[in-house]
C-alpha cells in the first residue's frame, strides 16, 4: 500500500506542474531497482520543475528517490545539494535586486552543513566512477556540478578564495566533460558563469590568480554559453535563464529588457514561485516604471502573506523590504 500511495502522490505532483522541458518523457517513479543514468535524468525533470516552482521539499523527495534507485551515481546527490542551495539562497540572499551576485555575508545557515555533505558525497561518487572509467563524460559533468555548487555556496557567503578554488575545479571538470561529449550542453551553465564573472570581476581575479593560477575568462563568451544552456540544456536550462537574467540586469550590462524577458519566461514556466514576479517588479523600477514595480511588489506581498513554505516567507519579507524602499515612512512587517 505504501508503494501505491507513493506512486499516487508522485503522479499528483507531476500532473500539476508546468508541462515544459521534460513533459514528453516524465515517467511515474519506478519500483526500487537499479536505474540507468538516462532513467535517472528522466525522473529528475519533475523534481527540477518543482524546485524552480519553489517547492523545494517536494523536489528533494524526488532527488532522494533517484539516490535510492541509482545509489552509485552522483546525480541524485548533486540535485539534492542544488535544492538545498536554493533553500540557503531564499534564507539569506538578496532577493530584491537581480544583479546582486548572491552575497549574503552570513557565516552559515542551518542548511550549510547538509549541503556540504551532499556535495562531498557527489564528488566521491563521481571520482569513483571516473577511476572505473564509467560513463566518463557524465561523471566529469556531475563532478563539475558538485564543484559548481561548492563555489555557489562559498560565493553566497562572500568567501572569495574558496569560491575561486571551487570554480577552478568546476571549470576543469566541465571542460573535460565537453571534450568527451560536446553535446553535454548543461556544462555551459558552470563554464558560462565562470567565464562571465572572471572577466567582469577583474580586480578580485587578479588578486586570486597570484595564489591559485585562476584561468582567465571572457564576458561575451560567458553570455553566449549561458544563452546556449538556456536554450538547449537538459538539467540546467532553467537555472541558466536565471543567471543570464541576473547578468543582463547588472549595472555593467544594463540590458534590462533582456533580463525582464527571461524572468517573465521563468514566471510563465514556473508560476507558483513568487521570486519571479519579485524580480520583475525590481526591473520595472529600474526601467523607470516605479508604479508598475510597486503594484507587483504589493501583489506578491499580499499573495504570500500568512503562507508558511520557506520560499513564500522569504519572498514576502523581500517584497516588504522593496515596498519600504519606495515608502521609507511606512513599515511592512
C-alpha atoms as a PDB file:
ATOM      1  CA  UNK A   1       0.000   0.000   0.000  1.00  0.00           C
ATOM      2  CA  UNK A   2       2.852   2.422   0.802  1.00  0.00           C
ATOM      3  CA  UNK A   3       4.363   1.982  -2.677  1.00  0.00           C
ATOM      4  CA  UNK A   4       0.976   2.556  -4.323  1.00  0.00           C
ATOM      5  CA  UNK A   5       0.439   5.648  -2.164  1.00  0.00           C
ATOM      6  CA  UNK A   6       3.872   6.990  -3.129  1.00  0.00           C
ATOM      7  CA  UNK A   7       3.116   6.472  -6.832  1.00  0.00           C
ATOM      8  CA  UNK A   8      -0.257   8.234  -6.492  1.00  0.00           C
ATOM      9  CA  UNK A   9       1.393  11.126  -4.653  1.00  0.00           C
ATOM     10  CA  UNK A  10       4.070  11.435  -7.331  1.00  0.00           C
ATOM     11  CA  UNK A  11       1.564  11.330 -10.178  1.00  0.00           C
ATOM     12  CA  UNK A  12      -0.443  14.087  -8.475  1.00  0.00           C
ATOM     13  CA  UNK A  13       2.693  16.236  -8.190  1.00  0.00           C
ATOM     14  CA  UNK A  14       3.639  15.779 -11.832  1.00  0.00           C
ATOM     15  CA  UNK A  15       0.083  16.444 -13.003  1.00  0.00           C
ATOM     16  CA  UNK A  16       0.056  19.968 -11.623  1.00  0.00           C
ATOM     17  CA  UNK A  17       3.479  21.250 -12.623  1.00  0.00           C
ATOM     18  CA  UNK A  18       4.064  23.177 -15.833  1.00  0.00           C
ATOM     19  CA  UNK A  19       4.456  20.972 -18.872  1.00  0.00           C
ATOM     20  CA  UNK A  20       7.860  22.221 -20.043  1.00  0.00           C
ATOM     21  CA  UNK A  21      11.293  20.782 -20.622  1.00  0.00           C
ATOM     22  CA  UNK A  22      10.717  17.183 -19.684  1.00  0.00           C
ATOM     23  CA  UNK A  23       6.982  16.948 -20.304  1.00  0.00           C
ATOM     24  CA  UNK A  24       7.253  14.421 -23.102  1.00  0.00           C
ATOM     25  CA  UNK A  25       9.253  11.957 -21.080  1.00  0.00           C
ATOM     26  CA  UNK A  26       8.129  12.209 -17.461  1.00  0.00           C
ATOM     27  CA  UNK A  27       7.527   8.727 -16.038  1.00  0.00           C
ATOM     28  CA  UNK A  28       5.980   7.760 -12.730  1.00  0.00           C
ATOM     29  CA  UNK A  29       8.507   6.694 -10.108  1.00  0.00           C
ATOM     30  CA  UNK A  30       9.501   3.114 -10.754  1.00  0.00           C
ATOM     31  CA  UNK A  31       9.727   0.393  -8.121  1.00  0.00           C
ATOM     32  CA  UNK A  32      13.110   0.261  -6.354  1.00  0.00           C
ATOM     33  CA  UNK A  33      15.773  -1.078  -8.665  1.00  0.00           C
ATOM     34  CA  UNK A  34      18.895  -0.013 -10.493  1.00  0.00           C
ATOM     35  CA  UNK A  35      18.198   2.835 -12.887  1.00  0.00           C
ATOM     36  CA  UNK A  36      20.358   3.776 -15.815  1.00  0.00           C
ATOM     37  CA  UNK A  37      21.658   7.333 -15.926  1.00  0.00           C
ATOM     38  CA  UNK A  38      19.138   8.096 -18.664  1.00  0.00           C
ATOM     39  CA  UNK A  39      16.266   6.884 -16.458  1.00  0.00           C
ATOM     40  CA  UNK A  40      17.562   8.896 -13.523  1.00  0.00           C
ATOM     41  CA  UNK A  41      17.686  12.043 -15.658  1.00  0.00           C
ATOM     42  CA  UNK A  42      14.127  11.477 -16.837  1.00  0.00           C
ATOM     43  CA  UNK A  43      12.974  11.241 -13.244  1.00  0.00           C
ATOM     44  CA  UNK A  44      14.969  14.356 -12.373  1.00  0.00           C
ATOM     45  CA  UNK A  45      12.804  16.500 -14.656  1.00  0.00           C
ATOM     46  CA  UNK A  46       9.736  16.750 -12.410  1.00  0.00           C
ATOM     47  CA  UNK A  47      11.954  17.452  -9.410  1.00  0.00           C
ATOM     48  CA  UNK A  48      13.723  20.268 -11.222  1.00  0.00           C
ATOM     49  CA  UNK A  49      10.374  21.769 -12.213  1.00  0.00           C
ATOM     50  CA  UNK A  50       9.213  21.612  -8.598  1.00  0.00           C
ATOM     51  CA  UNK A  51      12.490  23.197  -7.477  1.00  0.00           C
ATOM     52  CA  UNK A  52      12.126  26.131  -9.845  1.00  0.00           C
ATOM     53  CA  UNK A  53       8.467  26.442  -8.825  1.00  0.00           C
ATOM     54  CA  UNK A  54       9.678  26.965  -5.259  1.00  0.00           C
ATOM     55  CA  UNK A  55       8.507  23.595  -3.869  1.00  0.00           C
ATOM     56  CA  UNK A  56      11.910  22.563  -2.586  1.00  0.00           C
ATOM     57  CA  UNK A  57      10.823  19.823  -0.184  1.00  0.00           C
ATOM     58  CA  UNK A  58       8.834  18.001  -2.862  1.00  0.00           C
ATOM     59  CA  UNK A  59      11.794  18.325  -5.236  1.00  0.00           C
ATOM     60  CA  UNK A  60      14.133  16.845  -2.636  1.00  0.00           C
ATOM     61  CA  UNK A  61      11.824  13.834  -2.215  1.00  0.00           C
ATOM     62  CA  UNK A  62      12.248  13.043  -5.904  1.00  0.00           C
ATOM     63  CA  UNK A  63      16.011  13.567  -5.821  1.00  0.00           C
ATOM     64  CA  UNK A  64      16.282  11.209  -2.844  1.00  0.00           C
ATOM     65  CA  UNK A  65      14.274   8.631  -4.796  1.00  0.00           C
ATOM     66  CA  UNK A  66      16.934   8.880  -7.527  1.00  0.00           C
ATOM     67  CA  UNK A  67      19.602   8.242  -4.894  1.00  0.00           C
ATOM     68  CA  UNK A  68      17.817   5.083  -3.764  1.00  0.00           C
ATOM     69  CA  UNK A  69      17.348   3.754  -7.281  1.00  0.00           C
ATOM     70  CA  UNK A  70      20.797   4.752  -8.570  1.00  0.00           C
ATOM     71  CA  UNK A  71      22.896   4.741  -5.365  1.00  0.00           C
ATOM     72  CA  UNK A  72      26.311   4.702  -7.035  1.00  0.00           C
ATOM     73  CA  UNK A  73      25.568   7.724  -9.187  1.00  0.00           C
ATOM     74  CA  UNK A  74      26.424  11.243  -8.030  1.00  0.00           C
ATOM     75  CA  UNK A  75      23.385  12.668  -9.831  1.00  0.00           C
ATOM     76  CA  UNK A  76      20.778  12.350  -7.071  1.00  0.00           C
ATOM     77  CA  UNK A  77      23.165  13.860  -4.523  1.00  0.00           C
ATOM     78  CA  UNK A  78      24.081  16.754  -6.806  1.00  0.00           C
ATOM     79  CA  UNK A  79      20.409  17.502  -7.390  1.00  0.00           C
ATOM     80  CA  UNK A  80      19.555  17.401  -3.685  1.00  0.00           C
ATOM     81  CA  UNK A  81      22.544  19.653  -2.957  1.00  0.00           C
ATOM     82  CA  UNK A  82      21.236  22.071  -5.574  1.00  0.00           C
ATOM     83  CA  UNK A  83      17.774  22.184  -4.000  1.00  0.00           C
ATOM     84  CA  UNK A  84      19.419  22.685  -0.603  1.00  0.00           C
ATOM     85  CA  UNK A  85      21.477  25.551  -2.043  1.00  0.00           C
ATOM     86  CA  UNK A  86      18.221  27.176  -3.111  1.00  0.00           C
ATOM     87  CA  UNK A  87      16.997  26.853   0.477  1.00  0.00           C
ATOM     88  CA  UNK A  88      20.109  28.724   1.577  1.00  0.00           C
ATOM     89  CA  UNK A  89      19.558  31.309  -1.140  1.00  0.00           C
ATOM     90  CA  UNK A  90      15.983  32.017  -0.067  1.00  0.00           C
ATOM     91  CA  UNK A  91      17.003  32.016   3.578  1.00  0.00           C
ATOM     92  CA  UNK A  92      19.843  34.504   3.328  1.00  0.00           C
ATOM     93  CA  UNK A  93      20.431  36.169  -0.047  1.00  0.00           C
ATOM     94  CA  UNK A  94      19.246  39.454  -1.535  1.00  0.00           C
ATOM     95  CA  UNK A  95      16.025  38.524  -3.365  1.00  0.00           C
ATOM     96  CA  UNK A  96      15.075  42.023  -4.473  1.00  0.00           C
ATOM     97  CA  UNK A  97      17.964  43.038  -6.718  1.00  0.00           C
ATOM     98  CA  UNK A  98      18.583  40.580  -9.565  1.00  0.00           C
ATOM     99  CA  UNK A  99      22.020  41.996 -10.315  1.00  0.00           C
ATOM    100  CA  UNK A 100      23.467  41.210  -6.869  1.00  0.00           C
ATOM    101  CA  UNK A 101      25.861  38.258  -7.052  1.00  0.00           C
ATOM    102  CA  UNK A 102      24.084  36.222  -4.379  1.00  0.00           C
ATOM    103  CA  UNK A 103      26.090  37.656  -1.465  1.00  0.00           C
ATOM    104  CA  UNK A 104      24.505  37.069   1.935  1.00  0.00           C
ATOM    105  CA  UNK A 105      27.530  37.889   4.126  1.00  0.00           C
ATOM    106  CA  UNK A 106      26.446  35.276   6.653  1.00  0.00           C
ATOM    107  CA  UNK A 107      28.898  32.812   8.116  1.00  0.00           C
ATOM    108  CA  UNK A 108      26.468  29.914   7.877  1.00  0.00           C
ATOM    109  CA  UNK A 109      22.808  28.935   7.706  1.00  0.00           C
ATOM    110  CA  UNK A 110      21.027  25.912   9.110  1.00  0.00           C
ATOM    111  CA  UNK A 111      21.312  24.221   5.716  1.00  0.00           C
ATOM    112  CA  UNK A 112      25.025  24.758   5.024  1.00  0.00           C
ATOM    113  CA  UNK A 113      26.308  21.610   6.692  1.00  0.00           C
ATOM    114  CA  UNK A 114      23.882  19.306   4.908  1.00  0.00           C
ATOM    115  CA  UNK A 115      24.590  20.987   1.580  1.00  0.00           C
ATOM    116  CA  UNK A 116      28.333  20.480   2.070  1.00  0.00           C
ATOM    117  CA  UNK A 117      27.782  16.828   2.997  1.00  0.00           C
ATOM    118  CA  UNK A 118      25.796  16.223  -0.180  1.00  0.00           C
ATOM    119  CA  UNK A 119      28.437  17.961  -2.296  1.00  0.00           C
ATOM    120  CA  UNK A 120      31.172  15.804  -0.759  1.00  0.00           C
ATOM    121  CA  UNK A 121      29.220  12.588  -1.406  1.00  0.00           C
ATOM    122  CA  UNK A 122      28.606  13.626  -5.014  1.00  0.00           C
ATOM    123  CA  UNK A 123      32.310  14.351  -5.565  1.00  0.00           C
ATOM    124  CA  UNK A 124      33.351  10.989  -4.075  1.00  0.00           C
ATOM    125  CA  UNK A 125      30.884   9.080  -6.214  1.00  0.00           C
ATOM    126  CA  UNK A 126      31.893  10.952  -9.359  1.00  0.00           C
ATOM    127  CA  UNK A 127      35.583  10.309  -8.683  1.00  0.00           C
ATOM    128  CA  UNK A 128      34.885   6.602  -8.134  1.00  0.00           C
ATOM    129  CA  UNK A 129      33.126   6.396 -11.491  1.00  0.00           C
ATOM    130  CA  UNK A 130      35.983   8.243 -13.163  1.00  0.00           C
ATOM    131  CA  UNK A 131      38.534   5.825 -11.691  1.00  0.00           C
ATOM    132  CA  UNK A 132      36.412   2.959 -13.004  1.00  0.00           C
ATOM    133  CA  UNK A 133      36.168   4.766 -16.375  1.00  0.00           C
ATOM    134  CA  UNK A 134      32.392   4.526 -16.139  1.00  0.00           C
ATOM    135  CA  UNK A 135      30.449   6.960 -18.318  1.00  0.00           C
ATOM    136  CA  UNK A 136      33.381   9.356 -18.174  1.00  0.00           C
ATOM    137  CA  UNK A 137      31.777  12.388 -19.789  1.00  0.00           C
ATOM    138  CA  UNK A 138      28.799  12.447 -17.436  1.00  0.00           C
ATOM    139  CA  UNK A 139      30.958  11.566 -14.441  1.00  0.00           C
ATOM    140  CA  UNK A 140      33.080  14.644 -15.131  1.00  0.00           C
ATOM    141  CA  UNK A 141      29.883  16.652 -15.690  1.00  0.00           C
ATOM    142  CA  UNK A 142      28.423  15.646 -12.324  1.00  0.00           C
ATOM    143  CA  UNK A 143      31.694  16.294 -10.521  1.00  0.00           C
ATOM    144  CA  UNK A 144      31.758  19.692 -12.190  1.00  0.00           C
ATOM    145  CA  UNK A 145      28.190  20.292 -10.996  1.00  0.00           C
ATOM    146  CA  UNK A 146      29.268  19.450  -7.439  1.00  0.00           C
ATOM    147  CA  UNK A 147      32.176  21.880  -7.507  1.00  0.00           C
ATOM    148  CA  UNK A 148      29.885  24.497  -9.043  1.00  0.00           C
ATOM    149  CA  UNK A 149      27.590  24.147  -6.039  1.00  0.00           C
ATOM    150  CA  UNK A 150      30.558  24.443  -3.690  1.00  0.00           C
ATOM    151  CA  UNK A 151      31.559  27.647  -5.493  1.00  0.00           C
ATOM    152  CA  UNK A 152      27.994  28.969  -5.326  1.00  0.00           C
ATOM    153  CA  UNK A 153      27.771  28.198  -1.615  1.00  0.00           C
ATOM    154  CA  UNK A 154      31.088  29.899  -0.865  1.00  0.00           C
ATOM    155  CA  UNK A 155      30.150  32.804  -3.118  1.00  0.00           C
ATOM    156  CA  UNK A 156      26.845  33.222  -1.343  1.00  0.00           C
ATOM    157  CA  UNK A 157      28.809  33.917   1.835  1.00  0.00           C
ATOM    158  CA  UNK A 158      31.280  36.237   0.095  1.00  0.00           C
ATOM    159  CA  UNK A 159      34.332  33.983   0.578  1.00  0.00           C
ATOM    160  CA  UNK A 160      36.441  34.794  -2.454  1.00  0.00           C
ATOM    161  CA  UNK A 161      39.358  32.363  -2.234  1.00  0.00           C
ATOM    162  CA  UNK A 162      37.295  29.195  -1.557  1.00  0.00           C
ATOM    163  CA  UNK A 163      34.889  30.296  -4.282  1.00  0.00           C
ATOM    164  CA  UNK A 164      37.725  30.669  -6.768  1.00  0.00           C
ATOM    165  CA  UNK A 165      39.294  27.313  -5.872  1.00  0.00           C
ATOM    166  CA  UNK A 166      35.983  25.507  -6.321  1.00  0.00           C
ATOM    167  CA  UNK A 167      35.317  27.437  -9.530  1.00  0.00           C
ATOM    168  CA  UNK A 168      38.673  26.408 -10.946  1.00  0.00           C
ATOM    169  CA  UNK A 169      37.940  22.717 -10.255  1.00  0.00           C
ATOM    170  CA  UNK A 170      34.450  23.112 -11.672  1.00  0.00           C
ATOM    171  CA  UNK A 171      35.803  24.593 -14.878  1.00  0.00           C
ATOM    172  CA  UNK A 172      38.388  21.819 -15.331  1.00  0.00           C
ATOM    173  CA  UNK A 173      35.803  19.068 -14.878  1.00  0.00           C
ATOM    174  CA  UNK A 174      33.222  20.649 -17.139  1.00  0.00           C
ATOM    175  CA  UNK A 175      35.761  21.237 -19.902  1.00  0.00           C
ATOM    176  CA  UNK A 176      36.796  17.574 -19.664  1.00  0.00           C
ATOM    177  CA  UNK A 177      33.144  16.570 -19.979  1.00  0.00           C
ATOM    178  CA  UNK A 178      32.697  18.747 -23.076  1.00  0.00           C
ATOM    179  CA  UNK A 179      35.888  17.405 -24.627  1.00  0.00           C
ATOM    180  CA  UNK A 180      34.492  13.883 -24.288  1.00  0.00           C
ATOM    181  CA  UNK A 181      30.953  14.799 -25.330  1.00  0.00           C
ATOM    182  CA  UNK A 182      30.368  18.228 -26.902  1.00  0.00           C
ATOM    183  CA  UNK A 183      26.611  17.654 -26.683  1.00  0.00           C
ATOM    184  CA  UNK A 184      26.568  17.976 -22.880  1.00  0.00           C
ATOM    185  CA  UNK A 185      25.061  21.441 -23.094  1.00  0.00           C
ATOM    186  CA  UNK A 186      24.387  21.532 -19.341  1.00  0.00           C
ATOM    187  CA  UNK A 187      28.132  22.020 -18.793  1.00  0.00           C
ATOM    188  CA  UNK A 188      27.816  25.516 -20.250  1.00  0.00           C
ATOM    189  CA  UNK A 189      25.933  26.711 -17.166  1.00  0.00           C
ATOM    190  CA  UNK A 190      29.054  26.466 -14.998  1.00  0.00           C
ATOM    191  CA  UNK A 191      31.507  27.341 -17.769  1.00  0.00           C
ATOM    192  CA  UNK A 192      29.415  30.349 -18.770  1.00  0.00           C
ATOM    193  CA  UNK A 193      29.114  31.664 -15.213  1.00  0.00           C
ATOM    194  CA  UNK A 194      32.865  31.212 -14.751  1.00  0.00           C
ATOM    195  CA  UNK A 195      33.794  32.993 -17.984  1.00  0.00           C
ATOM    196  CA  UNK A 196      31.475  35.889 -17.324  1.00  0.00           C
ATOM    197  CA  UNK A 197      32.411  36.612 -13.734  1.00  0.00           C
ATOM    198  CA  UNK A 198      36.135  36.012 -14.072  1.00  0.00           C
ATOM    199  CA  UNK A 199      36.158  38.618 -16.826  1.00  0.00           C
ATOM    200  CA  UNK A 200      33.892  41.134 -15.076  1.00  0.00           C
ATOM    201  CA  UNK A 201      35.342  40.862 -11.559  1.00  0.00           C
ATOM    202  CA  UNK A 202      38.857  41.619 -12.749  1.00  0.00           C
ATOM    203  CA  UNK A 203      40.251  43.187  -9.556  1.00  0.00           C
ATOM    204  CA  UNK A 204      39.394  40.147  -7.462  1.00  0.00           C
ATOM    205  CA  UNK A 205      40.569  37.793 -10.204  1.00  0.00           C
ATOM    206  CA  UNK A 206      43.974  39.457 -10.447  1.00  0.00           C
ATOM    207  CA  UNK A 207      44.426  39.078  -6.726  1.00  0.00           C
ATOM    208  CA  UNK A 208      43.333  35.426  -6.694  1.00  0.00           C
ATOM    209  CA  UNK A 209      45.412  34.499  -9.709  1.00  0.00           C
ATOM    210  CA  UNK A 210      48.548  35.122  -7.659  1.00  0.00           C
ATOM    211  CA  UNK A 211      47.548  32.349  -5.258  1.00  0.00           C
ATOM    212  CA  UNK A 212      45.832  29.701  -7.362  1.00  0.00           C
ATOM    213  CA  UNK A 213      46.609  30.446 -11.008  1.00  0.00           C
ATOM    214  CA  UNK A 214      42.985  31.124 -11.876  1.00  0.00           C
ATOM    215  CA  UNK A 215      42.443  30.861 -15.653  1.00  0.00           C
ATOM    216  CA  UNK A 216      41.071  33.902 -17.454  1.00  0.00           C
ATOM    217  CA  UNK A 217      37.563  34.291 -18.759  1.00  0.00           C
ATOM    218  CA  UNK A 218      35.514  36.084 -21.394  1.00  0.00           C
ATOM    219  CA  UNK A 219      32.405  38.126 -20.708  1.00  0.00           C
ATOM    220  CA  UNK A 220      30.986  37.738 -24.210  1.00  0.00           C
ATOM    221  CA  UNK A 221      31.749  34.022 -24.356  1.00  0.00           C
ATOM    222  CA  UNK A 222      30.183  33.540 -20.928  1.00  0.00           C
ATOM    223  CA  UNK A 223      26.950  35.201 -22.013  1.00  0.00           C
ATOM    224  CA  UNK A 224      26.903  33.120 -25.210  1.00  0.00           C
ATOM    225  CA  UNK A 225      27.411  29.895 -23.261  1.00  0.00           C
ATOM    226  CA  UNK A 226      24.679  30.733 -20.767  1.00  0.00           C
ATOM    227  CA  UNK A 227      22.334  31.520 -23.658  1.00  0.00           C
ATOM    228  CA  UNK A 228      23.152  28.152 -25.249  1.00  0.00           C
ATOM    229  CA  UNK A 229      22.371  26.328 -21.999  1.00  0.00           C
ATOM    230  CA  UNK A 230      19.181  28.354 -21.521  1.00  0.00           C
ATOM    231  CA  UNK A 231      18.004  27.254 -24.960  1.00  0.00           C
ATOM    232  CA  UNK A 232      19.213  23.652 -25.136  1.00  0.00           C
ATOM    233  CA  UNK A 233      20.122  22.484 -21.636  1.00  0.00           C
ATOM    234  CA  UNK A 234      18.629  19.314 -20.218  1.00  0.00           C
ATOM    235  CA  UNK A 235      19.081  19.586 -16.452  1.00  0.00           C
ATOM    236  CA  UNK A 236      20.335  23.175 -16.205  1.00  0.00           C
ATOM    237  CA  UNK A 237      18.150  25.061 -18.696  1.00  0.00           C
ATOM    238  CA  UNK A 238      16.014  26.988 -16.190  1.00  0.00           C
ATOM    239  CA  UNK A 239      18.916  27.940 -13.931  1.00  0.00           C
ATOM    240  CA  UNK A 240      20.828  29.176 -16.961  1.00  0.00           C
ATOM    241  CA  UNK A 241      17.921  31.544 -17.642  1.00  0.00           C
ATOM    242  CA  UNK A 242      18.065  32.715 -14.033  1.00  0.00           C
ATOM    243  CA  UNK A 243      21.779  33.509 -14.136  1.00  0.00           C
ATOM    244  CA  UNK A 244      21.594  35.013 -17.612  1.00  0.00           C
ATOM    245  CA  UNK A 245      18.787  37.277 -16.431  1.00  0.00           C
ATOM    246  CA  UNK A 246      20.878  38.328 -13.443  1.00  0.00           C
ATOM    247  CA  UNK A 247      23.873  39.075 -15.665  1.00  0.00           C
ATOM    248  CA  UNK A 248      21.862  41.202 -18.096  1.00  0.00           C
ATOM    249  CA  UNK A 249      20.491  43.228 -15.178  1.00  0.00           C
ATOM    250  CA  UNK A 250      23.914  44.165 -13.796  1.00  0.00           C
ATOM    251  CA  UNK A 251      24.885  47.814 -13.949  1.00  0.00           C
ATOM    252  CA  UNK A 252      27.759  46.914 -16.273  1.00  0.00           C
ATOM    253  CA  UNK A 253      25.318  45.384 -18.793  1.00  0.00           C
ATOM    254  CA  UNK A 254      22.118  47.410 -18.392  1.00  0.00           C
ATOM    255  CA  UNK A 255      20.286  45.069 -20.766  1.00  0.00           C
ATOM    256  CA  UNK A 256      17.203  45.301 -18.612  1.00  0.00           C
ATOM    257  CA  UNK A 257      14.666  44.370 -21.286  1.00  0.00           C
ATOM    258  CA  UNK A 258      16.516  41.105 -21.984  1.00  0.00           C
ATOM    259  CA  UNK A 259      16.593  40.393 -18.284  1.00  0.00           C
ATOM    260  CA  UNK A 260      12.890  41.179 -17.996  1.00  0.00           C
ATOM    261  CA  UNK A 261      12.074  38.791 -20.842  1.00  0.00           C
ATOM    262  CA  UNK A 262      13.967  35.943 -19.180  1.00  0.00           C
ATOM    263  CA  UNK A 263      12.315  36.434 -15.787  1.00  0.00           C
ATOM    264  CA  UNK A 264       8.914  36.622 -17.481  1.00  0.00           C
ATOM    265  CA  UNK A 265       9.654  33.326 -19.200  1.00  0.00           C
ATOM    266  CA  UNK A 266      10.545  31.810 -15.836  1.00  0.00           C
ATOM    267  CA  UNK A 267       7.321  33.178 -14.340  1.00  0.00           C
ATOM    268  CA  UNK A 268       5.315  31.647 -17.167  1.00  0.00           C
ATOM    269  CA  UNK A 269       7.050  28.284 -16.855  1.00  0.00           C
ATOM    270  CA  UNK A 270       7.039  28.207 -13.035  1.00  0.00           C
ATOM    271  CA  UNK A 271       4.032  30.304 -11.996  1.00  0.00           C
ATOM    272  CA  UNK A 272       3.907  29.155  -8.361  1.00  0.00           C
ATOM    273  CA  UNK A 273       7.275  30.676  -7.450  1.00  0.00           C
ATOM    274  CA  UNK A 274       6.813  34.257  -6.165  1.00  0.00           C
ATOM    275  CA  UNK A 275      10.503  35.042  -6.722  1.00  0.00           C
ATOM    276  CA  UNK A 276       9.997  35.633 -10.446  1.00  0.00           C
ATOM    277  CA  UNK A 277       7.409  38.431 -10.151  1.00  0.00           C
ATOM    278  CA  UNK A 278       9.507  39.984  -7.384  1.00  0.00           C
ATOM    279  CA  UNK A 279      12.461  40.231  -9.769  1.00  0.00           C
ATOM    280  CA  UNK A 280      10.172  41.553 -12.487  1.00  0.00           C
ATOM    281  CA  UNK A 281       8.987  44.261 -10.097  1.00  0.00           C
ATOM    282  CA  UNK A 282      12.593  45.245  -9.408  1.00  0.00           C
ATOM    283  CA  UNK A 283      13.367  45.533 -13.102  1.00  0.00           C
ATOM    284  CA  UNK A 284      10.295  47.680 -13.709  1.00  0.00           C
ATOM    285  CA  UNK A 285      11.575  50.102 -11.065  1.00  0.00           C
ATOM    286  CA  UNK A 286      14.960  50.115 -12.727  1.00  0.00           C
ATOM    287  CA  UNK A 287      13.381  50.810 -16.108  1.00  0.00           C
ATOM    288  CA  UNK A 288      11.711  53.946 -14.746  1.00  0.00           C
ATOM    289  CA  UNK A 289       8.323  52.328 -14.175  1.00  0.00           C
ATOM    290  CA  UNK A 290       8.063  52.548 -10.358  1.00  0.00           C
ATOM    291  CA  UNK A 291       4.267  52.383 -10.288  1.00  0.00           C
ATOM    292  CA  UNK A 292       4.285  49.061 -12.145  1.00  0.00           C
ATOM    293  CA  UNK A 293       7.066  47.780  -9.932  1.00  0.00           C
ATOM    294  CA  UNK A 294       5.225  48.786  -6.763  1.00  0.00           C
ATOM    295  CA  UNK A 295       1.994  47.162  -7.969  1.00  0.00           C
ATOM    296  CA  UNK A 296       3.850  43.888  -8.482  1.00  0.00           C
ATOM    297  CA  UNK A 297       5.535  44.128  -5.083  1.00  0.00           C
ATOM    298  CA  UNK A 298       2.184  44.724  -3.401  1.00  0.00           C
ATOM    299  CA  UNK A 299       0.583  41.795  -5.197  1.00  0.00           C
ATOM    300  CA  UNK A 300       3.431  39.460  -4.188  1.00  0.00           C
ATOM    301  CA  UNK A 301       3.335  40.782  -0.624  1.00  0.00           C
ATOM    302  CA  UNK A 302      -0.389  40.110  -0.325  1.00  0.00           C
ATOM    303  CA  UNK A 303      -0.295  36.705  -2.021  1.00  0.00           C
ATOM    304  CA  UNK A 304       2.485  35.402   0.232  1.00  0.00           C
ATOM    305  CA  UNK A 305       1.084  36.838   3.476  1.00  0.00           C
ATOM    306  CA  UNK A 306       0.462  34.154   6.075  1.00  0.00           C
ATOM    307  CA  UNK A 307       1.922  31.335   3.984  1.00  0.00           C
ATOM    308  CA  UNK A 308       4.368  29.008   5.716  1.00  0.00           C
ATOM    309  CA  UNK A 309       6.587  27.466   2.992  1.00  0.00           C
ATOM    310  CA  UNK A 310      10.144  28.779   3.224  1.00  0.00           C
ATOM    311  CA  UNK A 311      10.044  30.343  -0.227  1.00  0.00           C
ATOM    312  CA  UNK A 312       6.843  32.278   0.461  1.00  0.00           C
ATOM    313  CA  UNK A 313       8.139  33.508   3.830  1.00  0.00           C
ATOM    314  CA  UNK A 314      11.405  34.696   2.267  1.00  0.00           C
ATOM    315  CA  UNK A 315       9.810  36.396  -0.715  1.00  0.00           C
ATOM    316  CA  UNK A 316       7.131  38.012   1.480  1.00  0.00           C
ATOM    317  CA  UNK A 317       9.894  39.585   3.557  1.00  0.00           C
ATOM    318  CA  UNK A 318      11.779  40.684   0.418  1.00  0.00           C
ATOM    319  CA  UNK A 319       8.674  42.276  -1.106  1.00  0.00           C
ATOM    320  CA  UNK A 320       8.122  44.155   2.167  1.00  0.00           C
ATOM    321  CA  UNK A 321      11.696  45.446   2.023  1.00  0.00           C
ATOM    322  CA  UNK A 322      11.147  46.583  -1.567  1.00  0.00           C
ATOM    323  CA  UNK A 323       7.997  48.475  -0.563  1.00  0.00           C
ATOM    324  CA  UNK A 324       9.834  50.112   2.327  1.00  0.00           C
ATOM    325  CA  UNK A 325      12.427  51.379  -0.150  1.00  0.00           C
ATOM    326  CA  UNK A 326       9.651  53.080  -2.094  1.00  0.00           C
ATOM    327  CA  UNK A 327       7.912  54.321   1.073  1.00  0.00           C
ATOM    328  CA  UNK A 328      10.549  54.842   3.813  1.00  0.00           C
ATOM    329  CA  UNK A 329       7.911  56.303   6.130  1.00  0.00           C
ATOM    330  CA  UNK A 330       5.938  53.030   6.155  1.00  0.00           C
ATOM    331  CA  UNK A 331       6.639  49.634   7.683  1.00  0.00           C
ATOM    332  CA  UNK A 332       5.750  46.363   6.018  1.00  0.00           C
ATOM    333  CA  UNK A 333       6.134  43.574   8.594  1.00  0.00           C
END
